[in-house]
C-alpha atoms as a PDB file:
ATOM      1  CA  MET A   1     111.003 103.063  83.484  1.00  0.00           C
ATOM      2  CA  LEU A   2     109.128 100.511  81.053  1.00  0.00           C
ATOM      3  CA  LYS A   3     111.215  97.552  79.832  1.00  0.00           C
ATOM      4  CA  PRO A   4     109.485  95.116  77.396  1.00  0.00           C
ATOM      5  CA  GLN A   5     108.710  91.534  78.627  1.00  0.00           C
ATOM      6  CA  ASP A   6     109.628  90.331  75.337  1.00  0.00           C
ATOM      7  CA  THR A   7     112.843  88.993  75.342  1.00  0.00           C
ATOM      8  CA  ALA A   8     113.804  89.756  71.641  1.00  0.00           C
ATOM      9  CA  LEU A   9     112.957  93.726  72.626  1.00  0.00           C
ATOM     10  CA  GLN A  10     115.032  93.487  75.651  1.00  0.00           C
ATOM     11  CA  GLU A  11     117.593  96.156  73.853  1.00  0.00           C
ATOM     12  CA  PRO A  12     118.180  99.531  74.843  1.00  0.00           C
ATOM     13  CA  GLN A  13     116.214 101.431  72.559  1.00  0.00           C
ATOM     14  CA  PHE A  14     113.198 100.050  73.427  1.00  0.00           C
ATOM     15  CA  ILE A  15     113.493 100.627  77.132  1.00  0.00           C
ATOM     16  CA  GLN A  16     111.268 104.235  77.685  1.00  0.00           C
ATOM     17  CA  THR A  17     111.748 106.703  80.528  1.00  0.00           C
ATOM     18  CA  ALA A  18     110.371 109.589  81.759  1.00  0.00           C
ATOM     19  CA  GLN A  19     110.967 111.788  84.546  1.00  0.00           C
ATOM     20  CA  CYS A  20     108.385 112.478  87.339  1.00  0.00           C
ATOM     21  CA  SER A  21     106.885 115.805  87.779  1.00  0.00           C
ATOM     22  CA  GLU A  22     106.231 117.645  91.070  1.00  0.00           C
ATOM     23  CA  GLY A  23     102.891 115.929  91.461  1.00  0.00           C
ATOM     24  CA  GLY A  24     104.976 112.245  90.962  1.00  0.00           C
ATOM     25  CA  ARG A  25     103.205 111.825  87.373  1.00  0.00           C
ATOM     26  CA  PHE A  26     104.649 110.761  83.963  1.00  0.00           C
ATOM     27  CA  ASP A  27     103.956 110.419  80.888  1.00  0.00           C
ATOM     28  CA  ILE A  28     105.187 108.295  77.891  1.00  0.00           C
ATOM     29  CA  ALA A  29     103.966 108.447  74.859  1.00  0.00           C
ATOM     30  CA  ASN A  30     104.179 106.340  71.426  1.00  0.00           C
ATOM     31  CA  ILE A  31     104.841 102.920  73.259  1.00  0.00           C
ATOM     32  CA  ARG A  32     104.965  99.982  70.721  1.00  0.00           C
ATOM     33  CA  PRO A  33     102.067  97.740  71.894  1.00  0.00           C
ATOM     34  CA  GLY A  34     103.100  94.893  74.268  1.00  0.00           C
ATOM     35  CA  ASP A  35     103.612  93.749  77.935  1.00  0.00           C
ATOM     36  CA  TYR A  36     106.103  95.656  79.657  1.00  0.00           C
ATOM     37  CA  TYR A  37     107.533  95.842  83.225  1.00  0.00           C
ATOM     38  CA  ALA A  38     107.153  99.191  84.717  1.00  0.00           C
ATOM     39  CA  LEU A  39     109.453 100.525  87.445  1.00  0.00           C
ATOM     40  CA  ALA A  40     110.073 103.971  89.358  1.00  0.00           C
ATOM     41  CA  PHE A  41     113.905 104.766  90.259  1.00  0.00           C
ATOM     42  CA  ASP A  42     115.406 107.529  92.715  1.00  0.00           C
ATOM     43  CA  GLN A  43     118.340 107.061  90.462  1.00  0.00           C
ATOM     44  CA  TRP A  44     119.065 106.277  86.692  1.00  0.00           C
ATOM     45  CA  GLU A  45     121.766 104.699  85.297  1.00  0.00           C
ATOM     46  CA  GLY A  46     120.736 104.268  81.800  1.00  0.00           C
ATOM     47  CA  PRO A  47     119.521 101.478  79.887  1.00  0.00           C
ATOM     48  CA  MET A  48     122.479  99.272  79.051  1.00  0.00           C
ATOM     49  CA  GLU A  49     122.860  99.039  83.379  1.00  0.00           C
ATOM     50  CA  LEU A  50     119.273  98.032  83.622  1.00  0.00           C
ATOM     51  CA  ILE A  51     119.439  95.646  81.419  1.00  0.00           C
ATOM     52  CA  SER A  52     122.810  93.800  82.431  1.00  0.00           C
ATOM     53  CA  SER A  53     121.426  93.731  86.185  1.00  0.00           C
ATOM     54  CA  PHE A  54     117.563  92.897  85.850  1.00  0.00           C
ATOM     55  CA  ASP A  55     116.952  89.926  87.497  1.00  0.00           C
ATOM     56  CA  GLN A  56     113.866  88.106  88.940  1.00  0.00           C
ATOM     57  CA  SER A  57     114.123  90.250  92.077  1.00  0.00           C
ATOM     58  CA  LEU A  58     113.178  93.459  90.039  1.00  0.00           C
ATOM     59  CA  ALA A  59     110.582  91.746  87.771  1.00  0.00           C
ATOM     60  CA  ASN A  60     109.345  91.043  90.959  1.00  0.00           C
ATOM     61  CA  LYS A  61     109.104  94.408  92.225  1.00  0.00           C
ATOM     62  CA  ALA A  62     107.995  95.793  88.849  1.00  0.00           C
ATOM     63  CA  VAL A  63     104.370  96.530  87.956  1.00  0.00           C
ATOM     64  CA  THR A  64     103.071  94.879  84.859  1.00  0.00           C
ATOM     65  CA  VAL A  65     101.672  97.394  82.244  1.00  0.00           C
ATOM     66  CA  HIS A  66      99.456  95.863  79.273  1.00  0.00           C
ATOM     67  CA  VAL A  67     100.272  98.541  75.716  1.00  0.00           C
ATOM     68  CA  ARG A  68      97.679  98.523  73.325  1.00  0.00           C
ATOM     69  CA  ARG A  69      97.081 100.353  70.436  1.00  0.00           C
ATOM     70  CA  GLY A  70      95.035 103.620  70.704  1.00  0.00           C
ATOM     71  CA  GLU A  71      94.724 102.961  74.598  1.00  0.00           C
ATOM     72  CA  VAL A  72      96.102 105.092  77.416  1.00  0.00           C
ATOM     73  CA  ALA A  73      97.368 102.657  80.319  1.00  0.00           C
ATOM     74  CA  THR A  74      98.359 104.071  83.892  1.00  0.00           C
ATOM     75  CA  ALA A  75     100.832 103.019  86.530  1.00  0.00           C
ATOM     76  CA  ASP A  76     100.698 103.506  90.440  1.00  0.00           C
ATOM     77  CA  LEU A  77     104.360 103.043  90.864  1.00  0.00           C
ATOM     78  CA  ARG A  78     106.523 103.462  94.046  1.00  0.00           C
ATOM     79  CA  VAL A  79     110.114 103.702  93.828  1.00  0.00           C
ATOM     80  CA  THR A  80     111.964 100.549  93.917  1.00  0.00           C
ATOM     81  CA  SER A  81     115.214 100.255  95.556  1.00  0.00           C
ATOM     82  CA  ARG A  82     118.010  98.329  94.015  1.00  0.00           C
END
């Protein structure tokens, strides 16, 4: 899951998700440039649940990903407990 760090973009349509493949890899394409929180969950309730429950403890567990136009970013994630 990618969630924008910009509070103006913390709407469901800007939260991006992907499912991991068997090898634990994932790909999310066409991301708007900016800074994101990246988290991996074993269960996904949806963007509205994440927005309403996202607090400093989840932010502390997140990996920060900076997305630039035309570049590929990588992140090494571990499953995050709620």
